[in-house]
Amino acid sequence: MQFLTRLARSIEQLDRLAQKYQDDELRSVVAELYKQLTTIINLLEKLYAIYTELDIVMKTDLRIEPGLYLDTEAPTQPEKLAEFLSRLRAEGHDPDRALAYLLGAGIAQLELRDGELLIKPRQGRQRY
């Protein structure tokens, strides 16, 4: 958010310069920058609303607490989903909730390959 604040201040300075020098071209650029900044802020608000809703769903409807399934071994390579769920069940986990957590937290993803549903580690995403 500090980035957005600094960006807004910079745009404001450009606006003052445009008014000071009566530069219509710079004014139109500043107006466009304000529109783009407003769009970014609106997108961030929507993302936050989605995150909040997903957090509520995870905690209420799915009854999943963040970190509850950290001891669940996430897949390290593609594995048949049925075998993975059987292994979770054998380890004493609720496979549905563990799967929901792994997918919801972005730790794993599903893939359909040659007619088989596989679970695999999420590519290109850091875990927190």
Foldseek 3Di string as FASTA:
>chain_A
DVVLVVLVVVLVVLCVVCVVVVPPVSNVVSVVSVVVSVVVVVVVVVVVVVVVVVQCCLCPVVVHDPPPCPVQDAAAAKDFPVVSLVVCVVVVHNSVNNVCNCVVQQQWDWDQDPNTIIIHGHPPDDHD
